[in-house]
Amino acid sequence: MMRCEKCGEDSVVKDSRHHLSKHNRASACEPGFIYRRRQCLKCGHKWSTVEMHVNRMDDYDLETERDRLKQRLKALRHHILELERITR
């Protein structure tokens, strides 16, 4: 269970979406992402999280995937901030 970033109480997942590779299919060498929308049980604060799941192979280049993840998260951060601004 994840704690609320505002008050520290427990939260629940309100929405969960899987995003696979850029080809929209599972691959042993590419990470997939889970976008989750969460809400605090106490104060009602809502926020989003991005979780990465990886099917590792012996020749899997984790450093390259970390760089890709950083680029995707940077683009996603802008998108999330715009969504939060619009929904206020």
PDB file of N, CA and C in Angstrom:
ATOM      1  N   MET A   1       0.850  -1.171   0.000  1.00  0.00           N
ATOM      2  CA  MET A   1       0.000   0.000   0.000  1.00  0.00           C
ATOM      3  C   MET A   1       0.896   1.235   0.000  1.00  0.00           C
ATOM      4  N   MET A   2       0.516   2.228  -0.763  1.00  0.00           N
ATOM      5  CA  MET A   2       1.288   3.457  -0.850  1.00  0.00           C
ATOM      6  C   MET A   2       0.665   4.517   0.053  1.00  0.00           C
ATOM      7  N   ARG A   3       1.507   5.293   0.684  1.00  0.00           N
ATOM      8  CA  ARG A   3       1.073   6.364   1.590  1.00  0.00           C
ATOM      9  C   ARG A   3       0.797   7.654   0.821  1.00  0.00           C
ATOM     10  N   CYS A   4      -0.138   8.431   1.315  1.00  0.00           N
ATOM     11  CA  CYS A   4      -0.476   9.728   0.726  1.00  0.00           C
ATOM     12  C   CYS A   4       0.719  10.667   0.836  1.00  0.00           C
ATOM     13  N   GLU A   5       1.005  11.389  -0.222  1.00  0.00           N
ATOM     14  CA  GLU A   5       2.127  12.327  -0.207  1.00  0.00           C
ATOM     15  C   GLU A   5       1.798  13.610   0.551  1.00  0.00           C
ATOM     16  N   LYS A   6       0.531  13.830   0.878  1.00  0.00           N
ATOM     17  CA  LYS A   6       0.130  15.026   1.637  1.00  0.00           C
ATOM     18  C   LYS A   6       0.021  14.757   3.135  1.00  0.00           C
ATOM     19  N   CYS A   7      -0.718  13.692   3.507  1.00  0.00           N
ATOM     20  CA  CYS A   7      -0.972  13.464   4.942  1.00  0.00           C
ATOM     21  C   CYS A   7      -0.347  12.181   5.483  1.00  0.00           C
ATOM     22  N   GLY A   8       0.165  11.300   4.617  1.00  0.00           N
ATOM     23  CA  GLY A   8       0.843  10.098   5.075  1.00  0.00           C
ATOM     24  C   GLY A   8      -0.058   8.906   5.372  1.00  0.00           C
ATOM     25  N   GLU A   9      -1.345   9.033   5.128  1.00  0.00           N
ATOM     26  CA  GLU A   9      -2.272   7.921   5.370  1.00  0.00           C
ATOM     27  C   GLU A   9      -2.308   6.986   4.162  1.00  0.00           C
ATOM     28  N   ASP A  10      -2.994   5.845   4.318  1.00  0.00           N
ATOM     29  CA  ASP A  10      -3.093   4.858   3.245  1.00  0.00           C
ATOM     30  C   ASP A  10      -3.884   5.400   2.065  1.00  0.00           C
ATOM     31  N   SER A  11      -3.575   4.857   0.881  1.00  0.00           N
ATOM     32  CA  SER A  11      -4.283   5.261  -0.334  1.00  0.00           C
ATOM     33  C   SER A  11      -4.780   4.016  -1.060  1.00  0.00           C
ATOM     34  N   VAL A  12      -5.658   4.229  -2.029  1.00  0.00           N
ATOM     35  CA  VAL A  12      -6.167   3.149  -2.866  1.00  0.00           C
ATOM     36  C   VAL A  12      -5.921   3.509  -4.324  1.00  0.00           C
ATOM     37  N   VAL A  13      -5.835   2.482  -5.170  1.00  0.00           N
ATOM     38  CA  VAL A  13      -5.681   2.684  -6.606  1.00  0.00           C
ATOM     39  C   VAL A  13      -7.070   2.863  -7.201  1.00  0.00           C
ATOM     40  N   LYS A  14      -7.294   3.992  -7.879  1.00  0.00           N
ATOM     41  CA  LYS A  14      -8.587   4.266  -8.502  1.00  0.00           C
ATOM     42  C   LYS A  14      -8.612   3.824  -9.966  1.00  0.00           C
ATOM     43  N   ASP A  15      -7.442   3.875 -10.627  1.00  0.00           N
ATOM     44  CA  ASP A  15      -7.365   3.504 -12.032  1.00  0.00           C
ATOM     45  C   ASP A  15      -5.970   2.966 -12.297  1.00  0.00           C
ATOM     46  N   SER A  16      -5.858   1.939 -13.115  1.00  0.00           N
ATOM     47  CA  SER A  16      -4.571   1.337 -13.431  1.00  0.00           C
ATOM     48  C   SER A  16      -4.560   0.981 -14.911  1.00  0.00           C
ATOM     49  N   ARG A  17      -3.551   1.485 -15.619  1.00  0.00           N
ATOM     50  CA  ARG A  17      -3.446   1.202 -17.052  1.00  0.00           C
ATOM     51  C   ARG A  17      -2.051   0.704 -17.377  1.00  0.00           C
ATOM     52  N   HIS A  18      -2.008  -0.342 -18.164  1.00  0.00           N
ATOM     53  CA  HIS A  18      -0.734  -0.917 -18.587  1.00  0.00           C
ATOM     54  C   HIS A  18      -0.351  -0.322 -19.936  1.00  0.00           C
ATOM     55  N   HIS A  19       0.906   0.025 -20.065  1.00  0.00           N
ATOM     56  CA  HIS A  19       1.436   0.500 -21.334  1.00  0.00           C
ATOM     57  C   HIS A  19       2.658  -0.349 -21.623  1.00  0.00           C
ATOM     58  N   LEU A  20       2.625  -1.069 -22.728  1.00  0.00           N
ATOM     59  CA  LEU A  20       3.735  -1.958 -23.046  1.00  0.00           C
ATOM     60  C   LEU A  20       4.769  -1.207 -23.868  1.00  0.00           C
ATOM     61  N   SER A  21       5.493  -1.888 -24.676  1.00  0.00           N
ATOM     62  CA  SER A  21       6.551  -1.273 -25.461  1.00  0.00           C
ATOM     63  C   SER A  21       5.966  -0.323 -26.497  1.00  0.00           C
ATOM     64  N   LYS A  22       6.858   0.362 -27.225  1.00  0.00           N
ATOM     65  CA  LYS A  22       6.415   1.307 -28.246  1.00  0.00           C
ATOM     66  C   LYS A  22       5.643   0.615 -29.363  1.00  0.00           C
ATOM     67  N   HIS A  23       5.776  -0.714 -29.464  1.00  0.00           N
ATOM     68  CA  HIS A  23       5.049  -1.471 -30.474  1.00  0.00           C
ATOM     69  C   HIS A  23       3.737  -2.017 -29.924  1.00  0.00           C
ATOM     70  N   ASN A  24       3.419  -1.637 -28.665  1.00  0.00           N
ATOM     71  CA  ASN A  24       2.168  -2.030 -28.017  1.00  0.00           C
ATOM     72  C   ASN A  24       2.041  -3.536 -27.852  1.00  0.00           C
ATOM     73  N   ARG A  25       3.173  -4.199 -27.603  1.00  0.00           N
ATOM     74  CA  ARG A  25       3.160  -5.631 -27.346  1.00  0.00           C
ATOM     75  C   ARG A  25       4.253  -5.949 -26.337  1.00  0.00           C
ATOM     76  N   ALA A  26       4.078  -7.035 -25.645  1.00  0.00           N
ATOM     77  CA  ALA A  26       5.069  -7.422 -24.643  1.00  0.00           C
ATOM     78  C   ALA A  26       6.349  -7.881 -25.332  1.00  0.00           C
ATOM     79  N   SER A  27       7.463  -7.523 -24.744  1.00  0.00           N
ATOM     80  CA  SER A  27       8.755  -7.924 -25.277  1.00  0.00           C
ATOM     81  C   SER A  27       9.661  -8.282 -24.112  1.00  0.00           C
ATOM     82  N   ALA A  28      10.510  -9.269 -24.306  1.00  0.00           N
ATOM     83  CA  ALA A  28      11.403  -9.689 -23.228  1.00  0.00           C
ATOM     84  C   ALA A  28      12.496  -8.658 -22.970  1.00  0.00           C
ATOM     85  N   CYS A  29      12.764  -7.780 -23.917  1.00  0.00           N
ATOM     86  CA  CYS A  29      13.862  -6.823 -23.778  1.00  0.00           C
ATOM     87  C   CYS A  29      13.396  -5.397 -23.503  1.00  0.00           C
ATOM     88  N   GLU A  30      12.135  -5.127 -23.539  1.00  0.00           N
ATOM     89  CA  GLU A  30      11.666  -3.766 -23.315  1.00  0.00           C
ATOM     90  C   GLU A  30      10.771  -3.712 -22.082  1.00  0.00           C
ATOM     91  N   PRO A  31      10.898  -2.649 -21.318  1.00  0.00           N
ATOM     92  CA  PRO A  31      10.065  -2.538 -20.122  1.00  0.00           C
ATOM     93  C   PRO A  31       8.641  -2.147 -20.469  1.00  0.00           C
ATOM     94  N   GLY A  32       7.752  -2.488 -19.598  1.00  0.00           N
ATOM     95  CA  GLY A  32       6.391  -2.004 -19.696  1.00  0.00           C
ATOM     96  C   GLY A  32       6.136  -1.096 -18.512  1.00  0.00           C
ATOM     97  N   PHE A  33       5.132  -0.255 -18.628  1.00  0.00           N
ATOM     98  CA  PHE A  33       4.829   0.685 -17.574  1.00  0.00           C
ATOM     99  C   PHE A  33       3.398   0.494 -17.105  1.00  0.00           C
ATOM    100  N   ILE A  34       3.187   0.739 -15.831  1.00  0.00           N
ATOM    101  CA  ILE A  34       1.844   0.738 -15.269  1.00  0.00           C
ATOM    102  C   ILE A  34       1.601   2.137 -14.725  1.00  0.00           C
ATOM    103  N   TYR A  35       0.617   2.804 -15.286  1.00  0.00           N
ATOM    104  CA  TYR A  35       0.222   4.125 -14.812  1.00  0.00           C
ATOM    105  C   TYR A  35      -0.930   3.932 -13.832  1.00  0.00           C
ATOM    106  N   ARG A  36      -0.769   4.432 -12.624  1.00  0.00           N
ATOM    107  CA  ARG A  36      -1.814   4.270 -11.615  1.00  0.00           C
ATOM    108  C   ARG A  36      -2.279   5.635 -11.120  1.00  0.00           C
ATOM    109  N   ARG A  37      -3.578   5.755 -10.942  1.00  0.00           N
ATOM    110  CA  ARG A  37      -4.190   6.939 -10.350  1.00  0.00           C
ATOM    111  C   ARG A  37      -4.574   6.536  -8.937  1.00  0.00           C
ATOM    112  N   ARG A  38      -4.078   7.267  -7.941  1.00  0.00           N
ATOM    113  CA  ARG A  38      -4.295   6.916  -6.536  1.00  0.00           C
ATOM    114  C   ARG A  38      -5.070   8.010  -5.817  1.00  0.00           C
ATOM    115  N   GLN A  39      -5.729   7.599  -4.707  1.00  0.00           N
ATOM    116  CA  GLN A  39      -6.471   8.562  -3.893  1.00  0.00           C
ATOM    117  C   GLN A  39      -6.312   8.201  -2.423  1.00  0.00           C
ATOM    118  N   CYS A  40      -6.078   9.224  -1.599  1.00  0.00           N
ATOM    119  CA  CYS A  40      -5.924   9.044  -0.162  1.00  0.00           C
ATOM    120  C   CYS A  40      -7.274   8.700   0.461  1.00  0.00           C
ATOM    121  N   LEU A  41      -7.265   7.748   1.381  1.00  0.00           N
ATOM    122  CA  LEU A  41      -8.495   7.356   2.064  1.00  0.00           C
ATOM    123  C   LEU A  41      -8.937   8.400   3.091  1.00  0.00           C
ATOM    124  N   LYS A  42      -7.992   9.180   3.613  1.00  0.00           N
ATOM    125  CA  LYS A  42      -8.326  10.151   4.655  1.00  0.00           C
ATOM    126  C   LYS A  42      -8.660  11.531   4.082  1.00  0.00           C
ATOM    127  N   CYS A  43      -7.704  12.118   3.339  1.00  0.00           N
ATOM    128  CA  CYS A  43      -7.899  13.510   2.885  1.00  0.00           C
ATOM    129  C   CYS A  43      -8.438  13.625   1.458  1.00  0.00           C
ATOM    130  N   GLY A  44      -8.465  12.514   0.699  1.00  0.00           N
ATOM    131  CA  GLY A  44      -9.018  12.548  -0.645  1.00  0.00           C
ATOM    132  C   GLY A  44      -8.066  13.050  -1.719  1.00  0.00           C
ATOM    133  N   HIS A  45      -6.816  13.371  -1.357  1.00  0.00           N
ATOM    134  CA  HIS A  45      -5.827  13.855  -2.327  1.00  0.00           C
ATOM    135  C   HIS A  45      -5.616  12.808  -3.420  1.00  0.00           C
ATOM    136  N   LYS A  46      -5.519  13.254  -4.690  1.00  0.00           N
ATOM    137  CA  LYS A  46      -5.301  12.352  -5.822  1.00  0.00           C
ATOM    138  C   LYS A  46      -3.945  12.637  -6.447  1.00  0.00           C
ATOM    139  N   TRP A  47      -3.272  11.571  -6.900  1.00  0.00           N
ATOM    140  CA  TRP A  47      -2.012  11.722  -7.607  1.00  0.00           C
ATOM    141  C   TRP A  47      -1.779  10.506  -8.487  1.00  0.00           C
ATOM    142  N   SER A  48      -0.795  10.610  -9.363  1.00  0.00           N
ATOM    143  CA  SER A  48      -0.476   9.532 -10.294  1.00  0.00           C
ATOM    144  C   SER A  48       0.895   8.957  -9.993  1.00  0.00           C
ATOM    145  N   THR A  49       1.050   7.661 -10.271  1.00  0.00           N
ATOM    146  CA  THR A  49       2.346   7.019 -10.164  1.00  0.00           C
ATOM    147  C   THR A  49       2.614   6.260 -11.456  1.00  0.00           C
ATOM    148  N   VAL A  50       3.881   6.071 -11.749  1.00  0.00           N
ATOM    149  CA  VAL A  50       4.302   5.276 -12.900  1.00  0.00           C
ATOM    150  C   VAL A  50       5.223   4.194 -12.374  1.00  0.00           C
ATOM    151  N   GLU A  51       4.894   2.950 -12.677  1.00  0.00           N
ATOM    152  CA  GLU A  51       5.708   1.827 -12.227  1.00  0.00           C
ATOM    153  C   GLU A  51       6.241   1.101 -13.452  1.00  0.00           C
ATOM    154  N   MET A  52       7.490   0.696 -13.375  1.00  0.00           N
ATOM    155  CA  MET A  52       8.113  -0.005 -14.492  1.00  0.00           C
ATOM    156  C   MET A  52       8.280  -1.473 -14.137  1.00  0.00           C
ATOM    157  N   HIS A  53       7.891  -2.337 -15.060  1.00  0.00           N
ATOM    158  CA  HIS A  53       8.163  -3.760 -14.852  1.00  0.00           C
ATOM    159  C   HIS A  53       9.022  -4.247 -16.014  1.00  0.00           C
ATOM    160  N   VAL A  54       9.982  -5.094 -15.684  1.00  0.00           N
ATOM    161  CA  VAL A  54      10.984  -5.520 -16.655  1.00  0.00           C
ATOM    162  C   VAL A  54      11.090  -7.034 -16.647  1.00  0.00           C
ATOM    163  N   ASN A  55      11.116  -7.611 -17.817  1.00  0.00           N
ATOM    164  CA  ASN A  55      11.444  -9.028 -17.965  1.00  0.00           C
ATOM    165  C   ASN A  55      12.927  -9.074 -18.317  1.00  0.00           C
ATOM    166  N   ARG A  56      13.767  -9.432 -17.366  1.00  0.00           N
ATOM    167  CA  ARG A  56      15.213  -9.368 -17.590  1.00  0.00           C
ATOM    168  C   ARG A  56      15.726 -10.601 -18.325  1.00  0.00           C
ATOM    169  N   MET A  57      16.696 -10.337 -19.197  1.00  0.00           N
ATOM    170  CA  MET A  57      17.429 -11.397 -19.883  1.00  0.00           C
ATOM    171  C   MET A  57      18.909 -11.190 -19.578  1.00  0.00           C
ATOM    172  N   ASP A  58      19.730 -12.152 -19.893  1.00  0.00           N
ATOM    173  CA  ASP A  58      21.162 -12.047 -19.603  1.00  0.00           C
ATOM    174  C   ASP A  58      21.806 -10.842 -20.275  1.00  0.00           C
ATOM    175  N   ASP A  59      21.422 -10.538 -21.507  1.00  0.00           N
ATOM    176  CA  ASP A  59      22.046  -9.441 -22.243  1.00  0.00           C
ATOM    177  C   ASP A  59      21.258  -8.131 -22.131  1.00  0.00           C
ATOM    178  N   TYR A  60      20.376  -8.043 -21.184  1.00  0.00           N
ATOM    179  CA  TYR A  60      19.534  -6.857 -21.008  1.00  0.00           C
ATOM    180  C   TYR A  60      20.377  -5.676 -20.520  1.00  0.00           C
ATOM    181  N   ASP A  61      20.288  -4.555 -21.197  1.00  0.00           N
ATOM    182  CA  ASP A  61      21.080  -3.377 -20.863  1.00  0.00           C
ATOM    183  C   ASP A  61      20.260  -2.446 -19.977  1.00  0.00           C
ATOM    184  N   LEU A  62      20.401  -2.606 -18.673  1.00  0.00           N
ATOM    185  CA  LEU A  62      19.612  -1.846 -17.719  1.00  0.00           C
ATOM    186  C   LEU A  62      19.918  -0.355 -17.765  1.00  0.00           C
ATOM    187  N   GLU A  63      21.175   0.017 -18.013  1.00  0.00           N
ATOM    188  CA  GLU A  63      21.531   1.443 -18.079  1.00  0.00           C
ATOM    189  C   GLU A  63      20.797   2.134 -19.219  1.00  0.00           C
ATOM    190  N   THR A  64      20.730   1.490 -20.375  1.00  0.00           N
ATOM    191  CA  THR A  64      20.001   2.061 -21.516  1.00  0.00           C
ATOM    192  C   THR A  64      18.536   2.236 -21.170  1.00  0.00           C
ATOM    193  N   GLU A  65      17.950   1.258 -20.513  1.00  0.00           N
ATOM    194  CA  GLU A  65      16.547   1.349 -20.142  1.00  0.00           C
ATOM    195  C   GLU A  65      16.314   2.432 -19.099  1.00  0.00           C
ATOM    196  N   ARG A  66      17.258   2.645 -18.197  1.00  0.00           N
ATOM    197  CA  ARG A  66      17.128   3.732 -17.226  1.00  0.00           C
ATOM    198  C   ARG A  66      17.106   5.072 -17.937  1.00  0.00           C
ATOM    199  N   ASP A  67      17.966   5.236 -18.945  1.00  0.00           N
ATOM    200  CA  ASP A  67      17.971   6.485 -19.715  1.00  0.00           C
ATOM    201  C   ASP A  67      16.643   6.683 -20.441  1.00  0.00           C
ATOM    202  N   ARG A  68      16.132   5.616 -21.042  1.00  0.00           N
ATOM    203  CA  ARG A  68      14.833   5.703 -21.721  1.00  0.00           C
ATOM    204  C   ARG A  68      13.729   6.064 -20.727  1.00  0.00           C
ATOM    205  N   LEU A  69      13.769   5.444 -19.554  1.00  0.00           N
ATOM    206  CA  LEU A  69      12.763   5.711 -18.542  1.00  0.00           C
ATOM    207  C   LEU A  69      12.816   7.170 -18.101  1.00  0.00           C
ATOM    208  N   LYS A  70      14.017   7.708 -17.900  1.00  0.00           N
ATOM    209  CA  LYS A  70      14.149   9.109 -17.516  1.00  0.00           C
ATOM    210  C   LYS A  70      13.543  10.030 -18.570  1.00  0.00           C
ATOM    211  N   GLN A  71      13.772   9.729 -19.840  1.00  0.00           N
ATOM    212  CA  GLN A  71      13.204  10.541 -20.923  1.00  0.00           C
ATOM    213  C   GLN A  71      11.684  10.456 -20.925  1.00  0.00           C
ATOM    214  N   ARG A  72      11.157   9.253 -20.760  1.00  0.00           N
ATOM    215  CA  ARG A  72       9.697   9.082 -20.756  1.00  0.00           C
ATOM    216  C   ARG A  72       9.060   9.761 -19.550  1.00  0.00           C
ATOM    217  N   LEU A  73       9.702   9.658 -18.384  1.00  0.00           N
ATOM    218  CA  LEU A  73       9.160  10.286 -17.181  1.00  0.00           C
ATOM    219  C   LEU A  73       9.189  11.810 -17.294  1.00  0.00           C
ATOM    220  N   LYS A  74      10.212  12.355 -17.924  1.00  0.00           N
ATOM    221  CA  LYS A  74      10.284  13.795 -18.120  1.00  0.00           C
ATOM    222  C   LYS A  74       9.118  14.270 -18.985  1.00  0.00           C
ATOM    223  N   ALA A  75       8.832  13.544 -20.053  1.00  0.00           N
ATOM    224  CA  ALA A  75       7.696  13.892 -20.914  1.00  0.00           C
ATOM    225  C   ALA A  75       6.382  13.686 -20.177  1.00  0.00           C
ATOM    226  N   LEU A  76       6.297  12.617 -19.385  1.00  0.00           N
ATOM    227  CA  LEU A  76       5.067  12.326 -18.652  1.00  0.00           C
ATOM    228  C   LEU A  76       4.810  13.367 -17.568  1.00  0.00           C
ATOM    229  N   ARG A  77       5.865  13.857 -16.922  1.00  0.00           N
ATOM    230  CA  ARG A  77       5.710  14.862 -15.872  1.00  0.00           C
ATOM    231  C   ARG A  77       4.972  16.094 -16.413  1.00  0.00           C
ATOM    232  N   HIS A  78       5.368  16.530 -17.601  1.00  0.00           N
ATOM    233  CA  HIS A  78       4.699  17.689 -18.203  1.00  0.00           C
ATOM    234  C   HIS A  78       3.225  17.369 -18.460  1.00  0.00           C
ATOM    235  N   HIS A  79       2.954  16.168 -18.968  1.00  0.00           N
ATOM    236  CA  HIS A  79       1.581  15.759 -19.266  1.00  0.00           C
ATOM    237  C   HIS A  79       0.724  15.725 -17.999  1.00  0.00           C
ATOM    238  N   ILE A  80       1.255  15.152 -16.926  1.00  0.00           N
ATOM    239  CA  ILE A  80       0.509  15.051 -15.668  1.00  0.00           C
ATOM    240  C   ILE A  80       0.240  16.430 -15.085  1.00  0.00           C
ATOM    241  N   LEU A  81       1.239  17.311 -15.120  1.00  0.00           N
ATOM    242  CA  LEU A  81       1.041  18.660 -14.592  1.00  0.00           C
ATOM    243  C   LEU A  81      -0.050  19.403 -15.366  1.00  0.00           C
ATOM    244  N   GLU A  82      -0.069  19.223 -16.677  1.00  0.00           N
ATOM    245  CA  GLU A  82      -1.117  19.855 -17.483  1.00  0.00           C
ATOM    246  C   GLU A  82      -2.488  19.284 -17.144  1.00  0.00           C
ATOM    247  N   LEU A  83      -2.585  17.960 -16.958  1.00  0.00           N
ATOM    248  CA  LEU A  83      -3.863  17.341 -16.592  1.00  0.00           C
ATOM    249  C   LEU A  83      -4.353  17.844 -15.238  1.00  0.00           C
ATOM    250  N   GLU A  84      -3.443  17.957 -14.270  1.00  0.00           N
ATOM    251  CA  GLU A  84      -3.832  18.432 -12.949  1.00  0.00           C
ATOM    252  C   GLU A  84      -4.265  19.886 -13.011  1.00  0.00           C
ATOM    253  N   ARG A  85      -3.593  20.695 -13.832  1.00  0.00           N
ATOM    254  CA  ARG A  85      -3.959  22.100 -13.981  1.00  0.00           C
ATOM    255  C   ARG A  85      -5.354  22.219 -14.596  1.00  0.00           C
ATOM    256  N   ILE A  86      -5.645  21.378 -15.581  1.00  0.00           N
ATOM    257  CA  ILE A  86      -6.935  21.424 -16.256  1.00  0.00           C
ATOM    258  C   ILE A  86      -8.061  20.958 -15.345  1.00  0.00           C
ATOM    259  N   THR A  87      -7.803  19.933 -14.518  1.00  0.00           N
ATOM    260  CA  THR A  87      -8.874  19.362 -13.694  1.00  0.00           C
ATOM    261  C   THR A  87      -9.123  20.138 -12.404  1.00  0.00           C
ATOM    262  N   ARG A  88      -8.329  21.151 -12.129  1.00  0.00           N
ATOM    263  CA  ARG A  88      -8.558  21.938 -10.901  1.00  0.00           C
ATOM    264  C   ARG A  88      -9.726  22.843 -11.046  1.00  0.00           C
TER     265      ARG A  88
END
